[in-house]
Amino acid sequence: MSRTNYSSGAKWEAIVGYSRAVKVGNTIEVTGTVAVDDDSKLVGGNDAYEQTKYILQKIEKVLERAGATMKDVVRTRMFVTDISRWEEYGKAHGEVFAVIRPCTSMIEVKGLIDKDYLIEIEATAVVI
């Protein structure tokens, strides 16, 4: 089975040793994704909905590069810093996945790598 790594070009990939996504066979794993743009600037400020929406757009772009779509997503994992804002995160997630309905988890964590990140999302897609 072949393996393809997809890079975003972020400086952290080489430092930490990871890829934006990895495709092995027909499975694509997307690494934890936060709401930062190509210049490493936060998108969405303190708005949980906007951060979530932007992250899902980033995930969609790397899936497309790997030959998949959001319809191929079978699992998402949302790591959030304030679970009381679940409806904000959930609204953005639901707008993308209302029909697809992958398995998902929303887990409150003590913090993410930057205090301004409210949510980090991982995704798994299987292309059939």
N, C-alpha and C. Protein backbone atom coordinates (compact mmCIF):
# COMPACT_ATOMS: atom_id res chain seq x y z
N MET A 1 0.84 -1.17 0.00
CA MET A 1 0.00 0.00 0.00
C MET A 1 0.89 1.24 0.00
N SER A 2 0.51 2.22 -0.77
CA SER A 2 1.31 3.44 -0.84
C SER A 2 0.92 4.43 0.25
N ARG A 3 1.88 5.28 0.55
CA ARG A 3 1.69 6.33 1.57
C ARG A 3 2.07 7.66 0.94
N THR A 4 1.21 8.66 1.14
CA THR A 4 1.50 10.01 0.66
C THR A 4 1.31 10.98 1.82
N ASN A 5 2.32 11.81 2.07
CA ASN A 5 2.23 12.85 3.09
C ASN A 5 1.88 14.16 2.41
N TYR A 6 1.00 14.94 3.01
CA TYR A 6 0.61 16.25 2.50
C TYR A 6 1.05 17.30 3.51
N SER A 7 1.81 18.26 3.05
CA SER A 7 2.33 19.31 3.91
C SER A 7 1.57 20.60 3.67
N SER A 8 1.48 21.41 4.71
CA SER A 8 0.90 22.74 4.55
C SER A 8 2.00 23.78 4.41
N GLY A 9 3.23 23.37 4.72
CA GLY A 9 4.35 24.30 4.69
C GLY A 9 4.56 25.02 6.01
N ALA A 10 3.75 24.70 7.01
CA ALA A 10 3.90 25.34 8.32
C ALA A 10 5.25 24.96 8.92
N LYS A 11 5.90 25.92 9.55
CA LYS A 11 7.22 25.68 10.13
C LYS A 11 7.18 24.59 11.20
N TRP A 12 6.04 24.42 11.84
CA TRP A 12 5.91 23.45 12.93
C TRP A 12 6.01 22.02 12.43
N GLU A 13 5.68 21.77 11.16
CA GLU A 13 5.70 20.40 10.65
C GLU A 13 7.09 19.78 10.77
N ALA A 14 8.11 20.53 10.38
CA ALA A 14 9.48 20.00 10.44
C ALA A 14 9.98 19.92 11.89
N ILE A 15 9.59 20.91 12.70
CA ILE A 15 10.05 20.94 14.09
C ILE A 15 9.46 19.77 14.89
N VAL A 16 8.17 19.57 14.76
CA VAL A 16 7.48 18.55 15.54
C VAL A 16 7.53 17.19 14.85
N GLY A 17 7.62 17.20 13.51
CA GLY A 17 7.68 15.95 12.75
C GLY A 17 6.31 15.41 12.43
N TYR A 18 5.50 16.19 11.71
CA TYR A 18 4.17 15.72 11.32
C TYR A 18 3.80 16.27 9.96
N SER A 19 2.71 15.77 9.40
CA SER A 19 2.19 16.22 8.12
C SER A 19 0.78 16.75 8.33
N ARG A 20 0.33 17.62 7.45
CA ARG A 20 -1.05 18.14 7.49
C ARG A 20 -2.02 16.99 7.34
N ALA A 21 -1.68 16.05 6.44
CA ALA A 21 -2.51 14.86 6.24
C ALA A 21 -1.62 13.74 5.73
N VAL A 22 -2.07 12.51 5.96
CA VAL A 22 -1.37 11.33 5.45
C VAL A 22 -2.43 10.42 4.84
N LYS A 23 -2.13 9.98 3.61
CA LYS A 23 -3.03 9.04 2.93
C LYS A 23 -2.31 7.70 2.79
N VAL A 24 -2.94 6.65 3.28
CA VAL A 24 -2.45 5.30 3.12
C VAL A 24 -3.59 4.48 2.53
N GLY A 25 -3.37 3.97 1.34
CA GLY A 25 -4.46 3.28 0.66
C GLY A 25 -5.61 4.23 0.42
N ASN A 26 -6.80 3.86 0.89
CA ASN A 26 -7.96 4.73 0.69
C ASN A 26 -8.35 5.51 1.95
N THR A 27 -7.45 5.50 2.95
CA THR A 27 -7.71 6.22 4.21
C THR A 27 -6.85 7.47 4.31
N ILE A 28 -7.47 8.55 4.69
CA ILE A 28 -6.77 9.83 4.87
C ILE A 28 -6.99 10.29 6.30
N GLU A 29 -5.88 10.54 6.98
CA GLU A 29 -5.93 11.09 8.34
C GLU A 29 -5.49 12.54 8.27
N VAL A 30 -6.29 13.43 8.82
CA VAL A 30 -5.94 14.86 8.85
C VAL A 30 -5.56 15.20 10.29
N THR A 31 -4.38 15.80 10.41
CA THR A 31 -3.84 16.14 11.72
C THR A 31 -4.69 17.20 12.42
N GLY A 32 -4.45 17.37 13.70
CA GLY A 32 -5.14 18.41 14.46
C GLY A 32 -4.98 19.76 13.77
N THR A 33 -6.10 20.42 13.52
CA THR A 33 -6.13 21.65 12.73
C THR A 33 -6.74 22.77 13.56
N VAL A 34 -6.05 23.91 13.57
CA VAL A 34 -6.54 25.09 14.29
C VAL A 34 -6.82 26.21 13.30
N ALA A 35 -7.44 27.27 13.79
CA ALA A 35 -7.89 28.37 12.94
C ALA A 35 -6.79 29.41 12.72
N VAL A 36 -5.75 29.01 12.01
CA VAL A 36 -4.72 29.96 11.61
C VAL A 36 -4.58 29.93 10.10
N ASP A 37 -4.33 31.11 9.53
CA ASP A 37 -4.20 31.21 8.08
C ASP A 37 -2.77 30.88 7.65
N ASP A 38 -2.48 31.07 6.36
CA ASP A 38 -1.16 30.75 5.81
C ASP A 38 -0.04 31.59 6.40
N ASP A 39 -0.40 32.71 7.02
CA ASP A 39 0.60 33.58 7.67
C ASP A 39 0.65 33.34 9.17
N SER A 40 0.07 32.23 9.62
CA SER A 40 0.02 31.86 11.04
C SER A 40 -0.75 32.85 11.90
N LYS A 41 -1.72 33.54 11.30
CA LYS A 41 -2.56 34.48 12.03
C LYS A 41 -3.90 33.83 12.37
N LEU A 42 -4.35 34.07 13.59
CA LEU A 42 -5.61 33.52 14.05
C LEU A 42 -6.77 34.06 13.21
N VAL A 43 -7.68 33.16 12.87
CA VAL A 43 -8.90 33.53 12.15
C VAL A 43 -10.08 33.30 13.08
N GLY A 44 -10.93 34.29 13.21
CA GLY A 44 -12.15 34.14 13.99
C GLY A 44 -12.09 34.74 15.38
N GLY A 45 -10.91 35.19 15.81
CA GLY A 45 -10.80 35.80 17.13
C GLY A 45 -11.37 34.91 18.22
N ASN A 46 -12.18 35.48 19.09
CA ASN A 46 -12.77 34.73 20.20
C ASN A 46 -14.13 34.13 19.83
N ASP A 47 -14.39 33.98 18.54
CA ASP A 47 -15.66 33.47 18.05
C ASP A 47 -15.51 31.97 17.75
N ALA A 48 -16.07 31.14 18.61
CA ALA A 48 -15.94 29.68 18.48
C ALA A 48 -16.53 29.17 17.18
N TYR A 49 -17.65 29.73 16.76
CA TYR A 49 -18.28 29.34 15.50
C TYR A 49 -17.35 29.64 14.33
N GLU A 50 -16.80 30.84 14.27
CA GLU A 50 -15.94 31.24 13.15
C GLU A 50 -14.65 30.42 13.12
N GLN A 51 -14.07 30.16 14.29
CA GLN A 51 -12.86 29.32 14.30
C GLN A 51 -13.18 27.93 13.76
N THR A 52 -14.28 27.35 14.19
CA THR A 52 -14.66 26.01 13.75
C THR A 52 -14.92 25.99 12.25
N LYS A 53 -15.64 26.96 11.77
CA LYS A 53 -15.96 27.05 10.34
C LYS A 53 -14.67 27.13 9.51
N TYR A 54 -13.73 27.95 9.94
CA TYR A 54 -12.47 28.10 9.20
C TYR A 54 -11.68 26.79 9.22
N ILE A 55 -11.63 26.14 10.36
CA ILE A 55 -10.90 24.86 10.46
C ILE A 55 -11.48 23.84 9.49
N LEU A 56 -12.79 23.75 9.43
CA LEU A 56 -13.42 22.78 8.53
C LEU A 56 -13.12 23.11 7.07
N GLN A 57 -13.01 24.38 6.74
CA GLN A 57 -12.61 24.76 5.38
C GLN A 57 -11.17 24.33 5.09
N LYS A 58 -10.29 24.46 6.06
CA LYS A 58 -8.90 24.01 5.91
C LYS A 58 -8.84 22.49 5.71
N ILE A 59 -9.63 21.78 6.48
CA ILE A 59 -9.67 20.33 6.35
C ILE A 59 -10.18 19.94 4.97
N GLU A 60 -11.21 20.61 4.51
CA GLU A 60 -11.76 20.33 3.18
C GLU A 60 -10.70 20.51 2.09
N LYS A 61 -9.90 21.55 2.19
CA LYS A 61 -8.86 21.81 1.18
C LYS A 61 -7.82 20.70 1.12
N VAL A 62 -7.36 20.23 2.28
CA VAL A 62 -6.34 19.17 2.25
C VAL A 62 -6.96 17.85 1.79
N LEU A 63 -8.21 17.60 2.14
CA LEU A 63 -8.87 16.40 1.65
C LEU A 63 -8.97 16.41 0.12
N GLU A 64 -9.29 17.56 -0.44
CA GLU A 64 -9.36 17.68 -1.89
C GLU A 64 -8.00 17.39 -2.53
N ARG A 65 -6.93 17.90 -1.93
CA ARG A 65 -5.59 17.62 -2.43
C ARG A 65 -5.29 16.12 -2.43
N ALA A 66 -5.88 15.42 -1.45
CA ALA A 66 -5.65 13.98 -1.31
C ALA A 66 -6.66 13.14 -2.08
N GLY A 67 -7.54 13.80 -2.83
CA GLY A 67 -8.51 13.07 -3.66
C GLY A 67 -9.79 12.68 -2.95
N ALA A 68 -10.15 13.44 -1.93
CA ALA A 68 -11.36 13.14 -1.16
C ALA A 68 -12.22 14.40 -1.04
N THR A 69 -13.40 14.22 -0.46
CA THR A 69 -14.28 15.34 -0.15
C THR A 69 -14.76 15.18 1.29
N MET A 70 -15.48 16.16 1.76
CA MET A 70 -16.04 16.07 3.10
C MET A 70 -17.03 14.91 3.21
N LYS A 71 -17.62 14.49 2.10
CA LYS A 71 -18.54 13.36 2.12
C LYS A 71 -17.83 12.06 2.48
N ASP A 72 -16.51 12.03 2.34
CA ASP A 72 -15.73 10.84 2.66
C ASP A 72 -15.32 10.78 4.13
N VAL A 73 -15.60 11.83 4.89
CA VAL A 73 -15.20 11.87 6.30
C VAL A 73 -16.07 10.90 7.10
N VAL A 74 -15.39 10.04 7.86
CA VAL A 74 -16.10 9.06 8.69
C VAL A 74 -15.95 9.36 10.18
N ARG A 75 -15.00 10.26 10.53
CA ARG A 75 -14.76 10.55 11.95
C ARG A 75 -14.16 11.93 12.10
N THR A 76 -14.65 12.69 13.07
CA THR A 76 -14.00 13.94 13.48
C THR A 76 -13.81 13.89 14.99
N ARG A 77 -12.77 14.60 15.43
CA ARG A 77 -12.51 14.74 16.85
C ARG A 77 -12.30 16.22 17.11
N MET A 78 -13.12 16.79 17.98
CA MET A 78 -13.02 18.20 18.30
C MET A 78 -12.49 18.36 19.72
N PHE A 79 -11.37 19.01 19.84
CA PHE A 79 -10.78 19.30 21.14
C PHE A 79 -11.06 20.77 21.43
N VAL A 80 -11.82 21.04 22.47
CA VAL A 80 -12.28 22.39 22.75
C VAL A 80 -11.80 22.84 24.13
N THR A 81 -11.58 24.14 24.27
CA THR A 81 -11.09 24.66 25.55
C THR A 81 -12.22 25.06 26.49
N ASP A 82 -13.44 25.13 25.98
CA ASP A 82 -14.59 25.49 26.82
C ASP A 82 -15.82 24.76 26.30
N ILE A 83 -16.13 23.63 26.92
CA ILE A 83 -17.23 22.79 26.46
C ILE A 83 -18.58 23.49 26.59
N SER A 84 -18.67 24.53 27.44
CA SER A 84 -19.94 25.25 27.57
C SER A 84 -20.32 25.96 26.27
N ARG A 85 -19.36 26.10 25.35
CA ARG A 85 -19.63 26.73 24.06
C ARG A 85 -19.94 25.69 22.98
N TRP A 86 -20.35 24.50 23.39
CA TRP A 86 -20.55 23.38 22.48
C TRP A 86 -21.51 23.72 21.34
N GLU A 87 -22.50 24.54 21.60
CA GLU A 87 -23.46 24.87 20.54
C GLU A 87 -22.82 25.67 19.42
N GLU A 88 -21.86 26.53 19.75
CA GLU A 88 -21.16 27.31 18.73
C GLU A 88 -20.31 26.41 17.84
N TYR A 89 -19.55 25.51 18.48
CA TYR A 89 -18.74 24.57 17.71
C TYR A 89 -19.66 23.65 16.89
N GLY A 90 -20.69 23.17 17.57
CA GLY A 90 -21.62 22.23 16.94
C GLY A 90 -22.37 22.83 15.76
N LYS A 91 -22.69 24.10 15.84
CA LYS A 91 -23.40 24.75 14.73
C LYS A 91 -22.57 24.69 13.45
N ALA A 92 -21.30 25.07 13.55
CA ALA A 92 -20.43 25.05 12.36
C ALA A 92 -20.22 23.61 11.87
N HIS A 93 -20.00 22.69 12.80
CA HIS A 93 -19.81 21.28 12.43
C HIS A 93 -21.07 20.76 11.75
N GLY A 94 -22.22 21.08 12.30
CA GLY A 94 -23.48 20.62 11.75
C GLY A 94 -23.78 21.17 10.37
N GLU A 95 -23.35 22.39 10.11
CA GLU A 95 -23.57 22.97 8.78
C GLU A 95 -22.84 22.18 7.70
N VAL A 96 -21.70 21.63 8.04
CA VAL A 96 -20.91 20.85 7.08
C VAL A 96 -21.37 19.39 7.05
N PHE A 97 -21.67 18.84 8.21
CA PHE A 97 -21.88 17.40 8.31
C PHE A 97 -23.31 16.96 8.61
N ALA A 98 -24.29 17.85 8.46
CA ALA A 98 -25.68 17.51 8.80
C ALA A 98 -26.17 16.27 8.06
N VAL A 99 -25.80 16.13 6.80
CA VAL A 99 -26.24 14.99 5.99
C VAL A 99 -25.24 13.85 6.07
N ILE A 100 -23.97 14.16 6.14
CA ILE A 100 -22.89 13.16 6.13
C ILE A 100 -22.87 12.39 7.44
N ARG A 101 -22.97 13.08 8.53
CA ARG A 101 -23.07 12.54 9.90
C ARG A 101 -21.97 11.54 10.26
N PRO A 102 -20.72 11.99 10.25
CA PRO A 102 -19.64 11.10 10.67
C PRO A 102 -19.70 10.87 12.18
N CYS A 103 -18.98 9.86 12.64
CA CYS A 103 -18.78 9.70 14.07
C CYS A 103 -18.00 10.92 14.54
N THR A 104 -18.25 11.39 15.75
CA THR A 104 -17.51 12.55 16.24
C THR A 104 -17.38 12.51 17.75
N SER A 105 -16.40 13.23 18.21
CA SER A 105 -16.21 13.43 19.65
C SER A 105 -15.93 14.91 19.87
N MET A 106 -16.43 15.44 20.97
CA MET A 106 -16.08 16.79 21.39
C MET A 106 -15.55 16.66 22.82
N ILE A 107 -14.28 16.94 22.97
CA ILE A 107 -13.59 16.71 24.23
C ILE A 107 -13.03 18.02 24.75
N GLU A 108 -13.35 18.36 25.99
CA GLU A 108 -12.78 19.57 26.58
C GLU A 108 -11.36 19.26 27.06
N VAL A 109 -10.45 20.16 26.69
CA VAL A 109 -9.05 20.03 27.09
C VAL A 109 -8.64 21.25 27.91
N LYS A 110 -7.59 21.09 28.68
CA LYS A 110 -7.09 22.18 29.53
C LYS A 110 -6.64 23.37 28.69
N GLY A 111 -6.03 23.09 27.56
CA GLY A 111 -5.56 24.15 26.68
C GLY A 111 -5.00 23.59 25.40
N LEU A 112 -4.84 24.46 24.43
CA LEU A 112 -4.21 24.11 23.17
C LEU A 112 -2.87 24.83 23.09
N ILE A 113 -2.13 24.67 22.02
CA ILE A 113 -0.76 25.18 21.95
C ILE A 113 -0.68 26.71 22.03
N ASP A 114 -1.77 27.39 21.73
CA ASP A 114 -1.84 28.85 21.86
C ASP A 114 -3.12 29.17 22.62
N LYS A 115 -3.06 30.08 23.56
CA LYS A 115 -4.21 30.39 24.41
C LYS A 115 -5.41 30.94 23.63
N ASP A 116 -5.18 31.46 22.42
CA ASP A 116 -6.27 32.02 21.63
C ASP A 116 -7.01 30.97 20.80
N TYR A 117 -6.45 29.76 20.70
CA TYR A 117 -7.13 28.69 19.97
C TYR A 117 -8.23 28.13 20.85
N LEU A 118 -9.45 28.14 20.35
CA LEU A 118 -10.59 27.64 21.09
C LEU A 118 -10.90 26.18 20.77
N ILE A 119 -10.46 25.74 19.59
CA ILE A 119 -10.81 24.41 19.11
C ILE A 119 -9.72 23.91 18.16
N GLU A 120 -9.51 22.60 18.20
CA GLU A 120 -8.62 21.91 17.25
C GLU A 120 -9.39 20.69 16.78
N ILE A 121 -9.36 20.44 15.47
CA ILE A 121 -10.15 19.33 14.91
C ILE A 121 -9.25 18.38 14.12
N GLU A 122 -9.45 17.09 14.33
CA GLU A 122 -8.84 16.03 13.52
C GLU A 122 -9.94 15.39 12.69
N ALA A 123 -9.58 14.80 11.55
CA ALA A 123 -10.58 14.13 10.73
C ALA A 123 -9.98 12.88 10.09
N THR A 124 -10.83 11.91 9.87
CA THR A 124 -10.47 10.69 9.16
C THR A 124 -11.46 10.54 7.99
N ALA A 125 -10.91 10.30 6.80
CA ALA A 125 -11.75 10.08 5.62
C ALA A 125 -11.38 8.75 4.99
N VAL A 126 -12.36 8.09 4.42
CA VAL A 126 -12.15 6.85 3.69
C VAL A 126 -12.79 7.03 2.32
N VAL A 127 -11.96 6.90 1.29
CA VAL A 127 -12.43 7.06 -0.08
C VAL A 127 -12.82 5.69 -0.62
N ILE A 128 -14.07 5.55 -1.02
CA ILE A 128 -14.56 4.25 -1.53
C ILE A 128 -14.64 4.28 -3.03
